[in-house]
Amino acid sequence: MQSTAPDPIYDTPYAVGSSTFFIHDNSRGYDSVAGITEGIRTLITEIWYPVDHIAVADDAYPRATYGDYVFGDREMHRRMMTQTTFFHLTPDTVREGVTNAQIDAAIDELFSRERNSYKLAPMASNTDGWPVVVMTHGDAGSRYNMESACEYLAAHGYFVIAPEHTGNSPYAMTGSDPALTDNVEFREKMTPVMQHLDEHGAYGVEEKYGQSYTPLSDGNDPLRSLADLDRSLMQRLNDLRATLALLDRANDDEQYAGQLNLDRIGLMGRSFGGATTIMGLSMEPRFTAGFAVVPPAWEDPRAALPAEVLAPPGKESVLFASEGPFPLSTFEKPTVLLSGAEDGLIIGLGKQMGVTPTPDNPHPVLREAYETSDAPLVWGLLADSNHGSFGVSGSYWWPDLKPNVQARYFDPDAEFTLVAPARAHQMQKELALDFFDLTIRQDESAKARLLDNRHEADGLTLESRNMQ
């Protein structure tokens, strides 16, 4: 059947293939941050990759849908849309006048909505190897959180891989892992984990937005909160390392047979994934350059901590290392920092740290880190955008149902219209491609495109440092 969905990336160099699989990290338990040290760390993972247009002509391969993200389970799709963080589509998060019937119809339509990729289509060949970008999602996020950018990069010749951080991803459906049926040894090792999965094979509880833990779980105990944050960041870092190990194995076997160029690897993420990107660049040498979208920033807390809580030399820690730079505010590699000028969530986190944001400097901690770095950096700030403007979430899926007017953070009596999600995503996609073309492909001609400020009329201002 001919697809009726528009395909905005058909005129790109490549069509896009996608598929889902599971990473198994035998060196770690299933979710040690939540106290489940048994079993095997399992990460649901999505890839997007270049496909020759001719290979998908005449519907030779089916288009991927949003229902595929939940393995075709309509009930889990509805749960994801109504019980996860920021509540994608519920009666109290829609425009005035939107009915329950409209909400139900929109959720059902999204389940079958076609994405801009083809399931299991054959990857185009490249004797030089496709450049690789890893995507890390936000707190209570999923592998679709930056889907539009992932598809766009793949359509321009990148291999993009996105692991879900089990425990910090809503209702992780690790029970859908085919290895639980096909691999007797794996199933035996996972026996202690099965009691933590529901009848849909999903992990996590509704009280925590379908997660098993939240990174900042104890606001009444700052030291405990830092310890929780450190453990969750370390788990994320090791998830990224498990992804790198998977890429190494895949590139060595017959499936890809050297089709991936792993000499330079990009990293990108949004929200808590933006912080993970900054941390990953600092702590994992194999990541070459990073694209951090609406990242929270943390000031280095170590000077105010008791010496006995710091990690001894040689022990890896994000927040408690006894020596070395602070990984959440240190830039030593090329990085793009893309933020929203009206991102109340991130501005509010800054205020909690005791800093004073202003309309001219809404993200002062991140800004100071930018201004004091010797690394090649790009600072992007989009006017009239909030925390969700760049994300694949409710306002992106249903721009006609979700509110598009909000009060200004620094002048609550004044209201403004949010930048259209389609425009915000287009800016993000183009910026990501230009940046990775420059830093991963090492195409010097991309520098002019990266810094040309062509979206200034749309409210996106760009600055740069050390980009000689």
Protein backbone atom coordinates (compact mmCIF):
# COMPACT_ATOMS: atom_id res chain seq x y z
CA MET A 1 0.00 0.00 0.00
CA GLN A 2 1.33 3.40 -0.94
CA SER A 3 2.17 5.51 2.10
CA THR A 4 0.01 8.60 2.58
CA ALA A 5 2.42 10.17 5.08
CA PRO A 6 4.62 13.01 3.84
CA ASP A 7 8.28 12.26 3.49
CA PRO A 8 10.16 15.52 4.13
CA ILE A 9 13.58 13.93 3.76
CA TYR A 10 13.08 12.16 0.41
CA ASP A 11 15.25 14.69 -1.39
CA THR A 12 18.20 14.00 0.90
CA PRO A 13 21.20 11.95 -0.23
CA TYR A 14 19.78 8.78 1.32
CA ALA A 15 16.58 7.22 2.54
CA VAL A 16 16.67 6.06 6.16
CA GLY A 17 16.53 2.57 7.61
CA SER A 18 15.81 1.81 11.25
CA SER A 19 15.65 -1.18 13.53
CA THR A 20 15.43 -2.10 17.20
CA PHE A 21 17.58 -4.55 19.11
CA PHE A 22 18.88 -5.17 22.63
CA ILE A 23 22.35 -4.57 24.04
CA HIS A 24 23.41 -7.01 26.76
CA ASP A 25 26.19 -5.95 29.10
CA ASN A 26 27.20 -9.08 30.97
CA SER A 27 29.58 -7.12 33.20
CA ARG A 28 26.73 -5.40 35.08
CA GLY A 29 23.50 -6.28 36.82
CA TYR A 30 20.15 -5.26 35.38
CA ASP A 31 19.73 -1.95 37.25
CA SER A 32 22.20 -1.47 40.06
CA VAL A 33 21.05 2.13 40.68
CA ALA A 34 17.66 0.72 41.70
CA GLY A 35 19.29 -2.10 43.68
CA ILE A 36 18.82 -4.89 41.12
CA THR A 37 22.34 -6.26 40.89
CA GLU A 38 21.29 -9.66 39.51
CA GLY A 39 20.64 -10.43 35.86
CA ILE A 40 22.24 -8.70 32.88
CA ARG A 41 22.16 -4.99 32.05
CA THR A 42 19.78 -4.80 29.06
CA LEU A 43 19.33 -1.72 26.88
CA ILE A 44 16.62 -1.40 24.23
CA THR A 45 18.41 0.27 21.33
CA GLU A 46 17.37 1.95 18.09
CA ILE A 47 19.53 2.57 15.03
CA TRP A 48 19.00 4.84 12.03
CA TYR A 49 21.25 4.44 9.01
CA PRO A 50 21.62 5.44 5.33
CA VAL A 51 19.73 3.46 2.70
CA ASP A 52 19.87 3.87 -1.07
CA HIS A 53 16.59 5.40 -2.26
CA ILE A 54 16.22 2.73 -4.92
CA ALA A 55 16.21 0.04 -2.22
CA VAL A 56 12.95 1.30 -0.72
CA ALA A 57 11.20 2.24 -3.94
CA ASP A 58 7.73 0.75 -4.50
CA ASP A 59 7.31 0.03 -0.77
CA ALA A 60 9.89 -2.75 -0.83
CA TYR A 61 10.19 -2.32 2.94
CA PRO A 62 7.50 -1.14 5.37
CA ARG A 63 7.67 2.27 6.97
CA ALA A 64 8.40 2.30 10.69
CA THR A 65 5.61 3.58 12.93
CA TYR A 66 5.46 5.01 16.44
CA GLY A 67 3.78 1.79 17.53
CA ASP A 68 7.05 0.02 16.74
CA TYR A 69 8.69 1.82 19.66
CA VAL A 70 6.47 -0.24 21.99
CA PHE A 71 6.74 -3.46 19.96
CA GLY A 72 3.19 -3.09 18.64
CA ASP A 73 1.56 -3.00 22.10
CA ARG A 74 -1.31 -0.47 21.98
CA GLU A 75 -1.89 -0.50 25.73
CA MET A 76 1.77 0.31 26.41
CA HIS A 77 1.63 3.07 23.81
CA ARG A 78 -1.32 4.63 25.63
CA ARG A 79 0.46 4.30 28.95
CA MET A 80 3.55 5.99 27.52
CA MET A 81 1.45 8.86 26.17
CA THR A 82 -0.52 9.47 29.37
CA GLN A 83 1.59 8.37 32.34
CA THR A 84 5.11 9.56 31.57
CA THR A 85 6.89 12.73 32.56
CA PHE A 86 5.35 15.98 31.26
CA PHE A 87 2.31 13.85 30.33
CA HIS A 88 2.32 13.90 26.55
CA LEU A 89 -1.46 14.16 26.08
CA THR A 90 -3.87 14.38 29.01
CA PRO A 91 -6.90 16.60 29.70
CA ASP A 92 -4.86 19.04 31.81
CA THR A 93 -2.07 19.45 29.22
CA VAL A 94 -4.07 20.31 26.10
CA ARG A 95 -5.59 23.51 24.73
CA GLU A 96 -8.89 24.70 26.07
CA GLY A 97 -11.77 23.00 24.30
CA VAL A 98 -9.92 19.81 23.34
CA THR A 99 -12.17 16.88 24.22
CA ASN A 100 -11.36 13.45 25.65
CA ALA A 101 -12.52 11.95 22.37
CA GLN A 102 -9.97 14.07 20.49
CA ILE A 103 -7.26 12.99 22.92
CA ASP A 104 -8.13 9.31 22.46
CA ALA A 105 -8.20 9.68 18.68
CA ALA A 106 -4.84 11.49 18.62
CA ILE A 107 -3.15 8.81 20.72
CA ASP A 108 -4.56 6.06 18.53
CA GLU A 109 -3.50 7.89 15.36
CA LEU A 110 0.06 8.32 16.63
CA PHE A 111 0.37 4.57 17.19
CA SER A 112 -0.02 3.97 13.45
CA ARG A 113 1.64 7.18 12.25
CA GLU A 114 4.49 6.45 9.86
CA ARG A 115 7.98 7.64 10.67
CA ASN A 116 10.56 8.77 8.13
CA SER A 117 12.41 5.46 8.14
CA TYR A 118 11.99 1.98 6.70
CA LYS A 119 12.15 -1.10 8.88
CA LEU A 120 15.12 -3.37 8.30
CA ALA A 121 15.96 -1.85 4.92
CA PRO A 122 19.50 -2.72 3.74
CA MET A 123 22.19 -0.24 4.69
CA ALA A 124 23.88 1.52 1.79
CA SER A 125 27.50 0.56 1.27
CA ASN A 126 30.40 2.88 2.02
CA THR A 127 34.00 1.79 1.54
CA ASP A 128 35.18 4.54 3.90
CA GLY A 129 32.72 3.58 6.63
CA TRP A 130 29.73 5.61 7.80
CA PRO A 131 30.43 8.22 10.50
CA VAL A 132 28.76 7.35 13.81
CA VAL A 133 26.77 9.41 16.33
CA VAL A 134 25.45 8.06 19.65
CA MET A 135 22.26 9.62 21.08
CA THR A 136 21.50 9.66 24.83
CA HIS A 137 17.96 10.54 25.95
CA GLY A 138 16.76 12.71 28.82
CA ASP A 139 15.41 11.92 32.27
CA ALA A 140 12.29 9.76 31.82
CA GLY A 141 13.02 9.87 28.10
CA SER A 142 13.15 7.26 25.38
CA ARG A 143 15.12 6.44 22.28
CA TYR A 144 12.73 8.56 20.18
CA ASN A 145 13.58 11.79 22.10
CA MET A 146 15.74 13.18 19.27
CA GLU A 147 14.28 11.09 16.47
CA SER A 148 13.97 13.99 14.02
CA ALA A 149 17.69 14.77 14.32
CA CYS A 150 18.60 11.07 14.20
CA GLU A 151 16.64 10.58 10.96
CA TYR A 152 18.09 13.73 9.46
CA LEU A 153 21.68 12.69 10.21
CA ALA A 154 21.05 9.21 8.79
CA ALA A 155 19.53 10.73 5.64
CA HIS A 156 22.82 12.60 5.18
CA GLY A 157 25.06 9.57 5.62
CA TYR A 158 25.41 8.96 9.39
CA PHE A 159 24.88 5.81 11.42
CA VAL A 160 23.03 6.86 14.58
CA ILE A 161 22.50 4.63 17.60
CA ALA A 162 20.34 5.37 20.65
CA PRO A 163 20.34 3.12 23.74
CA GLU A 164 17.60 3.53 26.33
CA HIS A 165 18.97 3.91 29.86
CA THR A 166 16.97 1.18 31.58
CA GLY A 167 15.59 2.47 34.89
CA ASN A 168 15.69 6.08 33.69
CA SER A 169 13.48 5.32 30.69
CA PRO A 170 9.71 5.00 31.15
CA TYR A 171 8.31 1.49 31.13
CA ALA A 172 11.37 -0.06 29.49
CA MET A 173 9.97 -3.10 27.67
CA THR A 174 12.97 -5.34 28.17
CA GLY A 175 10.62 -8.29 28.49
CA SER A 176 10.23 -8.05 24.70
CA ASP A 177 13.86 -9.11 24.28
CA PRO A 178 13.85 -12.13 21.89
CA ALA A 179 16.86 -13.52 23.77
CA LEU A 180 14.49 -14.38 26.64
CA THR A 181 12.97 -17.00 24.37
CA ASP A 182 15.84 -17.85 22.06
CA ASN A 183 18.73 -18.05 24.54
CA VAL A 184 18.32 -20.47 27.45
CA GLU A 185 21.47 -19.27 29.24
CA PHE A 186 20.40 -15.62 29.01
CA ARG A 187 16.91 -16.40 30.29
CA GLU A 188 18.33 -18.28 33.26
CA LYS A 189 20.53 -15.33 34.19
CA MET A 190 17.55 -13.00 33.86
CA THR A 191 15.26 -15.11 36.08
CA PRO A 192 15.69 -12.83 39.13
CA VAL A 193 14.75 -9.81 36.97
CA MET A 194 11.49 -11.22 35.62
CA GLN A 195 9.64 -10.52 38.88
CA HIS A 196 10.25 -6.80 38.27
CA LEU A 197 8.50 -6.83 34.87
CA ASP A 198 4.75 -6.55 34.43
CA GLU A 199 2.48 -8.57 32.15
CA HIS A 200 3.62 -6.46 29.19
CA GLY A 201 7.28 -7.09 29.93
CA ALA A 202 7.65 -3.49 31.09
CA TYR A 203 9.91 -2.28 33.89
CA GLY A 204 9.25 0.70 36.16
CA VAL A 205 6.49 2.12 38.31
CA GLU A 206 3.85 4.76 37.63
CA GLU A 207 4.84 6.83 40.69
CA LYS A 208 8.20 7.53 39.04
CA TYR A 209 6.85 8.10 35.52
CA GLY A 210 7.52 4.51 34.53
CA GLN A 211 11.08 4.53 35.82
CA SER A 212 12.72 2.71 38.71
CA TYR A 213 14.57 5.79 39.97
CA THR A 214 14.98 9.51 39.35
CA PRO A 215 18.41 11.16 39.27
CA LEU A 216 17.56 13.73 41.97
CA SER A 217 15.51 11.61 44.34
CA ASP A 218 16.05 13.24 47.73
CA GLY A 219 15.69 17.01 47.76
CA ASN A 220 15.75 17.09 51.58
CA ASP A 221 19.20 15.55 51.75
CA PRO A 222 21.62 17.34 49.38
CA LEU A 223 24.44 14.82 49.87
CA ARG A 224 22.12 11.90 49.23
CA SER A 225 20.77 13.70 46.17
CA LEU A 226 24.31 14.16 44.82
CA ALA A 227 25.07 10.50 45.46
CA ASP A 228 21.94 9.45 43.54
CA LEU A 229 22.88 11.76 40.69
CA ASP A 230 26.42 10.39 40.61
CA ARG A 231 25.24 6.78 40.48
CA SER A 232 22.75 7.50 37.71
CA LEU A 233 25.35 9.39 35.66
CA MET A 234 27.88 6.60 36.08
CA GLN A 235 25.27 4.05 34.96
CA ARG A 236 24.57 6.20 31.90
CA LEU A 237 28.28 6.53 31.15
CA ASN A 238 28.70 2.77 31.27
CA ASP A 239 25.62 2.36 29.05
CA LEU A 240 27.39 4.53 26.48
CA ARG A 241 30.50 2.38 26.83
CA ALA A 242 28.42 -0.75 26.31
CA THR A 243 27.11 0.88 23.14
CA LEU A 244 30.66 1.56 21.95
CA ALA A 245 31.55 -2.08 22.61
CA LEU A 246 28.54 -3.17 20.58
CA LEU A 247 29.65 -0.95 17.70
CA ASP A 248 33.10 -2.53 17.79
CA ARG A 249 31.64 -6.03 17.66
CA ALA A 250 29.16 -5.13 14.91
CA ASN A 251 31.88 -3.58 12.77
CA ASP A 252 33.95 -6.74 13.05
CA ASP A 253 31.23 -9.23 12.12
CA GLU A 254 29.62 -9.91 8.78
CA GLN A 255 26.56 -7.75 9.50
CA TYR A 256 28.48 -4.52 8.91
CA ALA A 257 31.95 -5.76 7.94
CA GLY A 258 33.83 -2.51 8.43
CA GLN A 259 30.95 -0.30 7.27
CA LEU A 260 31.26 1.95 10.34
CA ASN A 261 34.01 4.53 10.80
CA LEU A 262 34.77 4.38 14.51
CA ASP A 263 37.85 6.61 14.45
CA ARG A 264 35.77 9.66 15.42
CA ILE A 265 32.42 9.24 17.19
CA GLY A 266 29.89 11.94 17.94
CA LEU A 267 27.66 12.12 21.01
CA MET A 268 24.39 14.03 21.33
CA GLY A 269 21.62 14.29 23.89
CA ARG A 270 18.76 16.42 25.12
CA SER A 271 17.99 17.61 28.70
CA PHE A 272 19.56 15.10 31.12
CA GLY A 273 20.95 13.53 27.97
CA GLY A 274 22.58 16.90 27.27
CA ALA A 275 24.30 16.71 30.65
CA THR A 276 25.23 13.10 29.85
CA THR A 277 26.74 14.33 26.59
CA ILE A 278 28.91 16.89 28.39
CA MET A 279 29.96 14.29 30.95
CA GLY A 280 30.56 11.62 28.31
CA LEU A 281 32.86 13.89 26.31
CA SER A 282 34.88 14.55 29.44
CA MET A 283 35.11 10.98 30.73
CA GLU A 284 35.12 8.74 27.63
CA PRO A 285 38.08 9.36 25.29
CA ARG A 286 36.41 7.75 22.27
CA PHE A 287 33.81 10.47 21.93
CA THR A 288 35.17 13.17 19.66
CA ALA A 289 32.53 15.91 19.67
CA GLY A 290 29.19 16.57 21.34
CA PHE A 291 25.84 18.24 20.65
CA ALA A 292 24.12 19.07 23.96
CA VAL A 293 20.52 20.30 23.74
CA VAL A 294 18.83 22.13 26.65
CA PRO A 295 21.38 20.68 29.09
CA PRO A 296 21.18 21.41 32.81
CA ALA A 297 24.45 22.64 34.29
CA TRP A 298 25.93 21.90 37.70
CA GLU A 299 28.50 23.84 39.63
CA ASP A 300 31.40 21.83 41.03
CA PRO A 301 30.31 20.86 44.58
CA ARG A 302 33.54 19.21 45.71
CA ALA A 303 35.06 22.14 47.60
CA ALA A 304 32.06 22.15 49.94
CA LEU A 305 31.98 18.37 50.51
CA PRO A 306 33.57 16.50 53.41
CA ALA A 307 36.85 14.94 52.32
CA GLU A 308 35.68 11.50 53.37
CA VAL A 309 32.90 11.42 50.75
CA LEU A 310 35.27 12.04 47.84
CA ALA A 311 36.30 9.06 45.76
CA PRO A 312 39.92 7.97 46.17
CA PRO A 313 42.35 8.62 43.31
CA GLY A 314 41.81 6.18 40.48
CA LYS A 315 38.15 5.51 41.31
CA GLU A 316 35.82 6.85 38.66
CA SER A 317 33.13 9.26 39.77
CA VAL A 318 31.31 12.13 38.07
CA LEU A 319 30.62 14.29 41.13
CA PHE A 320 32.99 12.97 43.81
CA ALA A 321 36.34 12.47 42.08
CA SER A 322 39.09 13.67 44.42
CA GLU A 323 41.07 15.12 41.55
CA GLY A 324 40.67 16.34 38.00
CA PRO A 325 38.23 18.67 36.23
CA PHE A 326 34.50 18.59 36.98
CA PRO A 327 32.89 16.61 34.11
CA LEU A 328 29.58 18.50 34.07
CA SER A 329 31.10 21.91 33.42
CA THR A 330 34.33 21.09 31.63
CA PHE A 331 34.75 21.38 27.87
CA GLU A 332 37.86 19.94 26.30
CA LYS A 333 36.37 18.83 22.96
CA PRO A 334 34.24 20.53 20.29
CA THR A 335 30.72 21.01 21.66
CA VAL A 336 27.49 22.73 20.70
CA LEU A 337 25.36 24.03 23.59
CA LEU A 338 21.82 24.66 22.35
CA SER A 339 19.40 26.13 24.91
CA GLY A 340 15.98 27.75 25.16
CA ALA A 341 15.65 31.35 26.33
CA GLU A 342 12.33 30.53 28.08
CA ASP A 343 13.29 27.08 29.39
CA GLY A 344 11.82 27.45 32.88
CA LEU A 345 12.88 23.96 33.95
CA ILE A 346 16.58 24.55 33.30
CA ILE A 347 16.49 28.18 34.47
CA GLY A 348 14.84 27.01 37.69
CA LEU A 349 17.53 24.39 38.28
CA GLY A 350 20.10 27.16 38.01
CA LYS A 351 18.27 29.22 40.61
CA GLN A 352 18.30 26.23 42.97
CA MET A 353 22.08 26.36 42.82
CA GLY A 354 22.05 29.93 44.10
CA VAL A 355 22.89 31.65 40.81
CA THR A 356 20.90 34.56 39.44
CA PRO A 357 19.58 34.09 35.91
CA THR A 358 18.57 37.19 33.96
CA PRO A 359 16.80 37.76 30.63
CA ASP A 360 20.20 38.50 29.06
CA ASN A 361 21.84 35.48 30.73
CA PRO A 362 19.19 32.84 31.52
CA HIS A 363 21.73 30.02 31.94
CA PRO A 364 24.63 31.58 33.91
CA VAL A 365 26.35 28.37 35.07
CA LEU A 366 26.51 26.96 31.57
CA ARG A 367 27.44 30.35 30.17
CA GLU A 368 30.39 30.73 32.54
CA ALA A 369 31.65 27.28 31.60
CA TYR A 370 31.38 28.28 27.94
CA GLU A 371 33.18 31.59 28.38
CA THR A 372 36.10 30.11 30.36
CA SER A 373 36.78 27.14 28.08
CA ASP A 374 39.63 26.81 25.60
CA ALA A 375 37.75 24.16 23.58
CA PRO A 376 36.01 24.86 20.25
CA LEU A 377 32.45 25.68 21.30
CA VAL A 378 29.21 26.96 19.79
CA TRP A 379 26.61 28.67 21.97
CA GLY A 380 23.06 28.65 20.63
CA LEU A 381 20.07 30.31 22.30
CA LEU A 382 16.60 30.15 20.79
CA ALA A 383 14.17 32.89 21.76
CA ASP A 384 10.57 31.98 22.60
CA SER A 385 11.41 28.33 23.20
CA ASN A 386 10.94 26.16 26.27
CA HIS A 387 12.23 22.80 27.49
CA GLY A 388 10.09 20.83 25.07
CA SER A 389 10.66 22.87 21.93
CA PHE A 390 13.48 20.68 20.59
CA GLY A 391 12.11 17.36 21.85
CA VAL A 392 10.12 14.66 20.09
CA SER A 393 7.15 14.78 22.44
CA GLY A 394 3.62 16.15 22.78
CA SER A 395 3.93 19.56 21.10
CA TYR A 396 5.93 18.03 18.23
CA TRP A 397 3.35 15.28 17.61
CA TRP A 398 0.22 17.35 18.18
CA PRO A 399 0.94 21.08 17.61
CA ASP A 400 -2.78 21.77 17.17
CA LEU A 401 -3.73 20.15 20.49
CA LYS A 402 -0.99 21.32 22.82
CA PRO A 403 -0.85 24.91 24.15
CA ASN A 404 1.53 27.21 22.29
CA VAL A 405 1.26 30.28 24.54
CA GLN A 406 2.97 30.68 27.90
CA ALA A 407 4.07 33.38 30.33
CA ARG A 408 7.57 34.77 30.07
CA TYR A 409 9.85 33.44 32.78
CA PHE A 410 11.23 36.85 33.76
CA ASP A 411 7.94 38.72 33.22
CA PRO A 412 5.06 36.42 34.20
CA ASP A 413 2.48 39.07 33.29
CA ALA A 414 3.55 38.94 29.66
CA GLU A 415 2.62 36.06 27.38
CA PHE A 416 4.25 34.96 24.13
CA THR A 417 3.73 32.38 21.40
CA LEU A 418 6.23 29.54 21.39
CA VAL A 419 8.31 28.98 18.29
CA ALA A 420 6.61 26.40 16.10
CA PRO A 421 7.97 22.90 16.86
CA ALA A 422 8.63 22.25 13.17
CA ARG A 423 10.85 25.35 13.00
CA ALA A 424 12.73 24.48 16.20
CA HIS A 425 13.39 20.96 14.94
CA GLN A 426 14.55 22.18 11.55
CA MET A 427 17.06 24.50 13.21
CA GLN A 428 18.26 21.71 15.49
CA LYS A 429 18.65 19.24 12.62
CA GLU A 430 20.63 21.61 10.43
CA LEU A 431 22.86 22.70 13.30
CA ALA A 432 23.59 19.09 14.26
CA LEU A 433 24.44 18.10 10.69
CA ASP A 434 26.73 21.07 10.11
CA PHE A 435 28.49 20.50 13.43
CA PHE A 436 29.10 16.80 12.94
CA ASP A 437 30.10 17.33 9.31
CA LEU A 438 32.80 19.65 10.63
CA THR A 439 33.96 17.64 13.65
CA ILE A 440 33.32 14.01 12.71
CA ARG A 441 33.59 14.09 8.92
CA GLN A 442 36.19 16.86 9.23
CA ASP A 443 34.67 18.75 6.34
CA GLU A 444 36.07 22.27 6.76
CA SER A 445 33.44 23.69 4.41
CA ALA A 446 30.83 22.92 7.06
CA LYS A 447 32.25 25.59 9.37
CA ALA A 448 30.79 28.43 7.33
CA ARG A 449 27.37 26.76 7.30
CA LEU A 450 27.57 26.08 11.04
CA LEU A 451 28.24 29.69 11.95
CA ASP A 452 26.29 31.59 9.30
CA ASN A 453 23.41 32.49 11.63
CA ARG A 454 20.88 31.78 8.88
CA HIS A 455 18.16 31.22 11.47
CA GLU A 456 18.68 34.54 13.25
CA ALA A 457 15.33 35.80 11.94
CA ASP A 458 13.69 32.83 13.66
CA GLY A 459 15.23 33.84 17.00
CA LEU A 460 18.25 31.52 17.05
CA THR A 461 21.44 33.38 17.91
CA LEU A 462 24.78 31.64 17.63
CA GLU A 463 28.15 32.51 19.11
CA SER A 464 31.41 30.60 18.95
CA ARG A 465 34.74 30.32 20.71
CA ASN A 466 38.05 28.87 19.55
CA MET A 467 36.62 27.74 16.20
CA GLN A 468 39.73 28.70 14.21
